[in-house]
Amino acid sequence: MPISSDYLAERASLIEQDRALRREFLATNQRSDDEVEADKIVRRIRAFEAGTIWKEEHPSIPHPFPGMEFLTGML
């Protein structure tokens, strides 16, 4: 059964209303152009590190970063 366009529109509206009530909404939607660019740069660096450092296998080291599971837990 296909989902109606009315349902999808109402769903999108509810999601938007919910997000507008979140505490981080104003901070993330009123950033300057420099802040947005800085965020993009940091995200690129973190993605690069995730692929080249944190996910790299080390055969001789069973767990290269003991106690640092919180850094790799979300990847």
PDB file of N, CA and C in Angstrom:
ATOM      1  N   MET A   1       0.841  -1.165   0.000  1.00  0.00           N
ATOM      2  CA  MET A   1       0.000   0.000   0.000  1.00  0.00           C
ATOM      3  C   MET A   1       0.900   1.247   0.000  1.00  0.00           C
ATOM      4  N   PRO A   2       0.758   2.116  -0.964  1.00  0.00           N
ATOM      5  CA  PRO A   2       1.608   3.310  -1.041  1.00  0.00           C
ATOM      6  C   PRO A   2       1.263   4.318   0.064  1.00  0.00           C
ATOM      7  N   ILE A   3       2.265   5.051   0.475  1.00  0.00           N
ATOM      8  CA  ILE A   3       2.090   6.072   1.509  1.00  0.00           C
ATOM      9  C   ILE A   3       1.576   7.341   0.838  1.00  0.00           C
ATOM     10  N   SER A   4       0.550   7.944   1.426  1.00  0.00           N
ATOM     11  CA  SER A   4      -0.061   9.134   0.812  1.00  0.00           C
ATOM     12  C   SER A   4       0.839  10.352   0.976  1.00  0.00           C
ATOM     13  N   SER A   5       0.703  11.279   0.062  1.00  0.00           N
ATOM     14  CA  SER A   5       1.489  12.505   0.119  1.00  0.00           C
ATOM     15  C   SER A   5       1.056  13.368   1.307  1.00  0.00           C
ATOM     16  N   ASP A   6      -0.219  13.283   1.707  1.00  0.00           N
ATOM     17  CA  ASP A   6      -0.690  14.017   2.886  1.00  0.00           C
ATOM     18  C   ASP A   6       0.035  13.529   4.140  1.00  0.00           C
ATOM     19  N   TYR A   7       0.148  12.217   4.256  1.00  0.00           N
ATOM     20  CA  TYR A   7       0.843  11.630   5.402  1.00  0.00           C
ATOM     21  C   TYR A   7       2.300  12.099   5.439  1.00  0.00           C
ATOM     22  N   LEU A   8       2.979  12.042   4.291  1.00  0.00           N
ATOM     23  CA  LEU A   8       4.389  12.436   4.243  1.00  0.00           C
ATOM     24  C   LEU A   8       4.569  13.913   4.586  1.00  0.00           C
ATOM     25  N   ALA A   9       3.648  14.756   4.116  1.00  0.00           N
ATOM     26  CA  ALA A   9       3.729  16.193   4.412  1.00  0.00           C
ATOM     27  C   ALA A   9       3.526  16.441   5.905  1.00  0.00           C
ATOM     28  N   GLU A  10       2.541  15.780   6.501  1.00  0.00           N
ATOM     29  CA  GLU A  10       2.286  15.940   7.937  1.00  0.00           C
ATOM     30  C   GLU A  10       3.458  15.413   8.759  1.00  0.00           C
ATOM     31  N   ARG A  11       4.020  14.305   8.327  1.00  0.00           N
ATOM     32  CA  ARG A  11       5.173  13.728   9.017  1.00  0.00           C
ATOM     33  C   ARG A  11       6.351  14.694   8.982  1.00  0.00           C
ATOM     34  N   ALA A  12       6.625  15.260   7.809  1.00  0.00           N
ATOM     35  CA  ALA A  12       7.728  16.217   7.669  1.00  0.00           C
ATOM     36  C   ALA A  12       7.497  17.435   8.557  1.00  0.00           C
ATOM     37  N   SER A  13       6.266  17.881   8.635  1.00  0.00           N
ATOM     38  CA  SER A  13       5.923  19.027   9.480  1.00  0.00           C
ATOM     39  C   SER A  13       6.167  18.719  10.955  1.00  0.00           C
ATOM     40  N   LEU A  14       5.758  17.546  11.399  1.00  0.00           N
ATOM     41  CA  LEU A  14       5.969  17.156  12.792  1.00  0.00           C
ATOM     42  C   LEU A  14       7.458  17.039  13.126  1.00  0.00           C
ATOM     43  N   ILE A  15       8.221  16.489  12.210  1.00  0.00           N
ATOM     44  CA  ILE A  15       9.666  16.366  12.423  1.00  0.00           C
ATOM     45  C   ILE A  15      10.293  17.751  12.539  1.00  0.00           C
ATOM     46  N   GLU A  16       9.899  18.663  11.671  1.00  0.00           N
ATOM     47  CA  GLU A  16      10.420  20.029  11.702  1.00  0.00           C
ATOM     48  C   GLU A  16      10.054  20.724  13.015  1.00  0.00           C
ATOM     49  N   GLN A  17       8.817  20.554  13.465  1.00  0.00           N
ATOM     50  CA  GLN A  17       8.383  21.146  14.738  1.00  0.00           C
ATOM     51  C   GLN A  17       9.196  20.578  15.904  1.00  0.00           C
ATOM     52  N   ASP A  18       9.409  19.277  15.889  1.00  0.00           N
ATOM     53  CA  ASP A  18      10.181  18.642  16.951  1.00  0.00           C
ATOM     54  C   ASP A  18      11.605  19.170  16.980  1.00  0.00           C
ATOM     55  N   ARG A  19      12.225  19.269  15.847  1.00  0.00           N
ATOM     56  CA  ARG A  19      13.606  19.755  15.784  1.00  0.00           C
ATOM     57  C   ARG A  19      13.704  21.198  16.248  1.00  0.00           C
ATOM     58  N   ALA A  20      12.689  22.003  15.960  1.00  0.00           N
ATOM     59  CA  ALA A  20      12.700  23.413  16.367  1.00  0.00           C
ATOM     60  C   ALA A  20      12.649  23.561  17.881  1.00  0.00           C
ATOM     61  N   LEU A  21      12.164  22.550  18.588  1.00  0.00           N
ATOM     62  CA  LEU A  21      12.074  22.599  20.045  1.00  0.00           C
ATOM     63  C   LEU A  21      13.356  22.148  20.740  1.00  0.00           C
ATOM     64  N   ARG A  22      14.265  21.602  20.003  1.00  0.00           N
ATOM     65  CA  ARG A  22      15.502  21.087  20.606  1.00  0.00           C
ATOM     66  C   ARG A  22      16.439  22.228  20.966  1.00  0.00           C
ATOM     67  N   ARG A  23      17.195  22.016  22.034  1.00  0.00           N
ATOM     68  CA  ARG A  23      18.056  23.082  22.550  1.00  0.00           C
ATOM     69  C   ARG A  23      19.150  23.482  21.562  1.00  0.00           C
ATOM     70  N   GLU A  24      19.623  22.564  20.751  1.00  0.00           N
ATOM     71  CA  GLU A  24      20.712  22.889  19.825  1.00  0.00           C
ATOM     72  C   GLU A  24      20.226  23.536  18.529  1.00  0.00           C
ATOM     73  N   PHE A  25      18.916  23.670  18.357  1.00  0.00           N
ATOM     74  CA  PHE A  25      18.354  24.186  17.102  1.00  0.00           C
ATOM     75  C   PHE A  25      18.871  25.585  16.783  1.00  0.00           C
ATOM     76  N   LEU A  26      18.763  26.509  17.727  1.00  0.00           N
ATOM     77  CA  LEU A  26      19.195  27.882  17.463  1.00  0.00           C
ATOM     78  C   LEU A  26      20.692  27.957  17.211  1.00  0.00           C
ATOM     79  N   ALA A  27      21.460  27.231  18.000  1.00  0.00           N
ATOM     80  CA  ALA A  27      22.919  27.274  17.846  1.00  0.00           C
ATOM     81  C   ALA A  27      23.356  26.756  16.484  1.00  0.00           C
ATOM     82  N   THR A  28      22.686  25.723  15.982  1.00  0.00           N
ATOM     83  CA  THR A  28      23.112  25.139  14.706  1.00  0.00           C
ATOM     84  C   THR A  28      22.491  25.837  13.503  1.00  0.00           C
ATOM     85  N   ASN A  29      21.448  26.600  13.699  1.00  0.00           N
ATOM     86  CA  ASN A  29      20.793  27.254  12.567  1.00  0.00           C
ATOM     87  C   ASN A  29      21.089  28.744  12.479  1.00  0.00           C
ATOM     88  N   GLN A  30      21.878  29.265  13.399  1.00  0.00           N
ATOM     89  CA  GLN A  30      22.238  30.680  13.352  1.00  0.00           C
ATOM     90  C   GLN A  30      23.753  30.857  13.355  1.00  0.00           C
ATOM     91  N   ARG A  31      24.448  29.928  12.723  1.00  0.00           N
ATOM     92  CA  ARG A  31      25.907  30.006  12.667  1.00  0.00           C
ATOM     93  C   ARG A  31      26.344  30.930  11.530  1.00  0.00           C
ATOM     94  N   SER A  32      27.482  31.555  11.712  1.00  0.00           N
ATOM     95  CA  SER A  32      28.041  32.398  10.653  1.00  0.00           C
ATOM     96  C   SER A  32      28.610  31.518   9.547  1.00  0.00           C
ATOM     97  N   ASP A  33      28.910  32.119   8.416  1.00  0.00           N
ATOM     98  CA  ASP A  33      29.505  31.367   7.307  1.00  0.00           C
ATOM     99  C   ASP A  33      30.855  30.774   7.711  1.00  0.00           C
ATOM    100  N   ASP A  34      31.623  31.520   8.505  1.00  0.00           N
ATOM    101  CA  ASP A  34      32.919  31.010   8.973  1.00  0.00           C
ATOM    102  C   ASP A  34      32.741  29.793   9.882  1.00  0.00           C
ATOM    103  N   GLU A  35      31.722  29.824  10.737  1.00  0.00           N
ATOM    104  CA  GLU A  35      31.460  28.678  11.615  1.00  0.00           C
ATOM    105  C   GLU A  35      31.038  27.454  10.817  1.00  0.00           C
ATOM    106  N   VAL A  36      30.233  27.662   9.804  1.00  0.00           N
ATOM    107  CA  VAL A  36      29.794  26.551   8.960  1.00  0.00           C
ATOM    108  C   VAL A  36      30.999  25.946   8.234  1.00  0.00           C
ATOM    109  N   GLU A  37      31.871  26.807   7.711  1.00  0.00           N
ATOM    110  CA  GLU A  37      33.064  26.325   7.002  1.00  0.00           C
ATOM    111  C   GLU A  37      33.999  25.592   7.957  1.00  0.00           C
ATOM    112  N   ALA A  38      34.188  26.116   9.155  1.00  0.00           N
ATOM    113  CA  ALA A  38      35.036  25.452  10.149  1.00  0.00           C
ATOM    114  C   ALA A  38      34.475  24.072  10.494  1.00  0.00           C
ATOM    115  N   ASP A  39      33.165  23.981  10.635  1.00  0.00           N
ATOM    116  CA  ASP A  39      32.534  22.693  10.932  1.00  0.00           C
ATOM    117  C   ASP A  39      32.800  21.693   9.813  1.00  0.00           C
ATOM    118  N   LYS A  40      32.712  22.140   8.563  1.00  0.00           N
ATOM    119  CA  LYS A  40      32.985  21.250   7.424  1.00  0.00           C
ATOM    120  C   LYS A  40      34.424  20.746   7.453  1.00  0.00           C
ATOM    121  N   ILE A  41      35.349  21.646   7.769  1.00  0.00           N
ATOM    122  CA  ILE A  41      36.767  21.268   7.817  1.00  0.00           C
ATOM    123  C   ILE A  41      37.009  20.228   8.912  1.00  0.00           C
ATOM    124  N   VAL A  42      36.477  20.467  10.101  1.00  0.00           N
ATOM    125  CA  VAL A  42      36.661  19.531  11.215  1.00  0.00           C
ATOM    126  C   VAL A  42      36.039  18.184  10.885  1.00  0.00           C
ATOM    127  N   ARG A  43      34.875  18.188  10.260  1.00  0.00           N
ATOM    128  CA  ARG A  43      34.220  16.924   9.886  1.00  0.00           C
ATOM    129  C   ARG A  43      35.045  16.148   8.860  1.00  0.00           C
ATOM    130  N   ARG A  44      35.663  16.861   7.895  1.00  0.00           N
ATOM    131  CA  ARG A  44      36.534  16.189   6.913  1.00  0.00           C
ATOM    132  C   ARG A  44      37.749  15.578   7.604  1.00  0.00           C
ATOM    133  N   ILE A  45      38.346  16.319   8.533  1.00  0.00           N
ATOM    134  CA  ILE A  45      39.507  15.798   9.267  1.00  0.00           C
ATOM    135  C   ILE A  45      39.122  14.556  10.059  1.00  0.00           C
ATOM    136  N   ARG A  46      37.995  14.613  10.756  1.00  0.00           N
ATOM    137  CA  ARG A  46      37.556  13.463  11.553  1.00  0.00           C
ATOM    138  C   ARG A  46      37.251  12.255  10.672  1.00  0.00           C
ATOM    139  N   ALA A  47      36.650  12.482   9.512  1.00  0.00           N
ATOM    140  CA  ALA A  47      36.361  11.375   8.598  1.00  0.00           C
ATOM    141  C   ALA A  47      37.658  10.757   8.090  1.00  0.00           C
ATOM    142  N   PHE A  48      38.637  11.594   7.773  1.00  0.00           N
ATOM    143  CA  PHE A  48      39.940  11.101   7.314  1.00  0.00           C
ATOM    144  C   PHE A  48      40.604  10.268   8.409  1.00  0.00           C
ATOM    145  N   GLU A  49      40.606  10.790   9.642  1.00  0.00           N
ATOM    146  CA  GLU A  49      41.193  10.054  10.761  1.00  0.00           C
ATOM    147  C   GLU A  49      40.462   8.735  11.011  1.00  0.00           C
ATOM    148  N   ALA A  50      39.149   8.761  10.889  1.00  0.00           N
ATOM    149  CA  ALA A  50      38.366   7.540  11.120  1.00  0.00           C
ATOM    150  C   ALA A  50      38.778   6.443  10.149  1.00  0.00           C
ATOM    151  N   GLY A  51      39.041   6.818   8.897  1.00  0.00           N
ATOM    152  CA  GLY A  51      39.418   5.827   7.898  1.00  0.00           C
ATOM    153  C   GLY A  51      40.877   5.432   7.908  1.00  0.00           C
ATOM    154  N   THR A  52      41.741   6.333   8.377  1.00  0.00           N
ATOM    155  CA  THR A  52      43.177   6.055   8.294  1.00  0.00           C
ATOM    156  C   THR A  52      43.817   5.679   9.624  1.00  0.00           C
ATOM    157  N   ILE A  53      43.198   6.044  10.728  1.00  0.00           N
ATOM    158  CA  ILE A  53      43.798   5.765  12.034  1.00  0.00           C
ATOM    159  C   ILE A  53      42.941   4.810  12.843  1.00  0.00           C
ATOM    160  N   TRP A  54      41.714   5.202  13.117  1.00  0.00           N
ATOM    161  CA  TRP A  54      40.882   4.459  14.058  1.00  0.00           C
ATOM    162  C   TRP A  54      40.380   3.127  13.522  1.00  0.00           C
ATOM    163  N   LYS A  55      40.252   2.985  12.215  1.00  0.00           N
ATOM    164  CA  LYS A  55      39.763   1.720  11.662  1.00  0.00           C
ATOM    165  C   LYS A  55      40.888   0.823  11.159  1.00  0.00           C
ATOM    166  N   GLU A  56      42.094   1.308  11.190  1.00  0.00           N
ATOM    167  CA  GLU A  56      43.231   0.531  10.695  1.00  0.00           C
ATOM    168  C   GLU A  56      43.480  -0.668  11.602  1.00  0.00           C
ATOM    169  N   GLU A  57      43.759  -1.803  10.986  1.00  0.00           N
ATOM    170  CA  GLU A  57      44.054  -3.033  11.727  1.00  0.00           C
ATOM    171  C   GLU A  57      45.536  -3.078  12.083  1.00  0.00           C
ATOM    172  N   HIS A  58      45.827  -3.511  13.289  1.00  0.00           N
ATOM    173  CA  HIS A  58      47.197  -3.672  13.759  1.00  0.00           C
ATOM    174  C   HIS A  58      47.352  -5.120  14.214  1.00  0.00           C
ATOM    175  N   PRO A  59      47.862  -6.012  13.347  1.00  0.00           N
ATOM    176  CA  PRO A  59      47.931  -7.433  13.671  1.00  0.00           C
ATOM    177  C   PRO A  59      48.709  -7.743  14.940  1.00  0.00           C
ATOM    178  N   SER A  60      49.745  -6.988  15.226  1.00  0.00           N
ATOM    179  CA  SER A  60      50.571  -7.282  16.400  1.00  0.00           C
ATOM    180  C   SER A  60      50.025  -6.642  17.680  1.00  0.00           C
ATOM    181  N   ILE A  61      48.992  -5.817  17.548  1.00  0.00           N
ATOM    182  CA  ILE A  61      48.423  -5.141  18.714  1.00  0.00           C
ATOM    183  C   ILE A  61      46.935  -5.495  18.800  1.00  0.00           C
ATOM    184  N   PRO A  62      46.548  -6.300  19.792  1.00  0.00           N
ATOM    185  CA  PRO A  62      45.145  -6.725  19.873  1.00  0.00           C
ATOM    186  C   PRO A  62      44.185  -5.560  20.067  1.00  0.00           C
ATOM    187  N   HIS A  63      44.582  -4.585  20.861  1.00  0.00           N
ATOM    188  CA  HIS A  63      43.739  -3.406  21.053  1.00  0.00           C
ATOM    189  C   HIS A  63      44.656  -2.189  21.182  1.00  0.00           C
ATOM    190  N   PRO A  64      44.870  -1.451  20.092  1.00  0.00           N
ATOM    191  CA  PRO A  64      45.880  -0.397  20.077  1.00  0.00           C
ATOM    192  C   PRO A  64      45.578   0.790  20.983  1.00  0.00           C
ATOM    193  N   PHE A  65      44.323   0.996  21.347  1.00  0.00           N
ATOM    194  CA  PHE A  65      43.963   2.148  22.159  1.00  0.00           C
ATOM    195  C   PHE A  65      43.144   1.712  23.375  1.00  0.00           C
ATOM    196  N   PRO A  66      43.757   1.035  24.353  1.00  0.00           N
ATOM    197  CA  PRO A  66      42.997   0.570  25.510  1.00  0.00           C
ATOM    198  C   PRO A  66      42.319   1.731  26.228  1.00  0.00           C
ATOM    199  N   GLY A  67      41.074   1.520  26.579  1.00  0.00           N
ATOM    200  CA  GLY A  67      40.321   2.547  27.268  1.00  0.00           C
ATOM    201  C   GLY A  67      39.748   3.605  26.363  1.00  0.00           C
ATOM    202  N   MET A  68      39.976   3.496  25.079  1.00  0.00           N
ATOM    203  CA  MET A  68      39.522   4.529  24.146  1.00  0.00           C
ATOM    204  C   MET A  68      38.333   4.047  23.312  1.00  0.00           C
ATOM    205  N   GLU A  69      37.589   3.081  23.802  1.00  0.00           N
ATOM    206  CA  GLU A  69      36.484   2.517  23.028  1.00  0.00           C
ATOM    207  C   GLU A  69      35.441   3.576  22.677  1.00  0.00           C
ATOM    208  N   PHE A  70      35.324   4.599  23.496  1.00  0.00           N
ATOM    209  CA  PHE A  70      34.314   5.619  23.216  1.00  0.00           C
ATOM    210  C   PHE A  70      34.603   6.348  21.909  1.00  0.00           C
ATOM    211  N   LEU A  71      35.858   6.395  21.478  1.00  0.00           N
ATOM    212  CA  LEU A  71      36.182   7.059  20.218  1.00  0.00           C
ATOM    213  C   LEU A  71      35.767   6.241  19.005  1.00  0.00           C
ATOM    214  N   THR A  72      35.785   4.923  19.146  1.00  0.00           N
ATOM    215  CA  THR A  72      35.460   4.067  18.011  1.00  0.00           C
ATOM    216  C   THR A  72      34.067   3.455  18.121  1.00  0.00           C
ATOM    217  N   GLY A  73      33.385   3.669  19.225  1.00  0.00           N
ATOM    218  CA  GLY A  73      32.086   3.053  19.457  1.00  0.00           C
ATOM    219  C   GLY A  73      31.011   3.517  18.499  1.00  0.00           C
ATOM    220  N   MET A  74      31.112   4.713  17.949  1.00  0.00           N
ATOM    221  CA  MET A  74      30.074   5.261  17.078  1.00  0.00           C
ATOM    222  C   MET A  74      30.398   5.068  15.599  1.00  0.00           C
ATOM    223  N   LEU A  75      31.560   4.539  15.277  1.00  0.00           N
ATOM    224  CA  LEU A  75      31.952   4.426  13.865  1.00  0.00           C
ATOM    225  C   LEU A  75      31.370   3.215  13.212  1.00  0.00           C
TER     226      LEU A  75
END
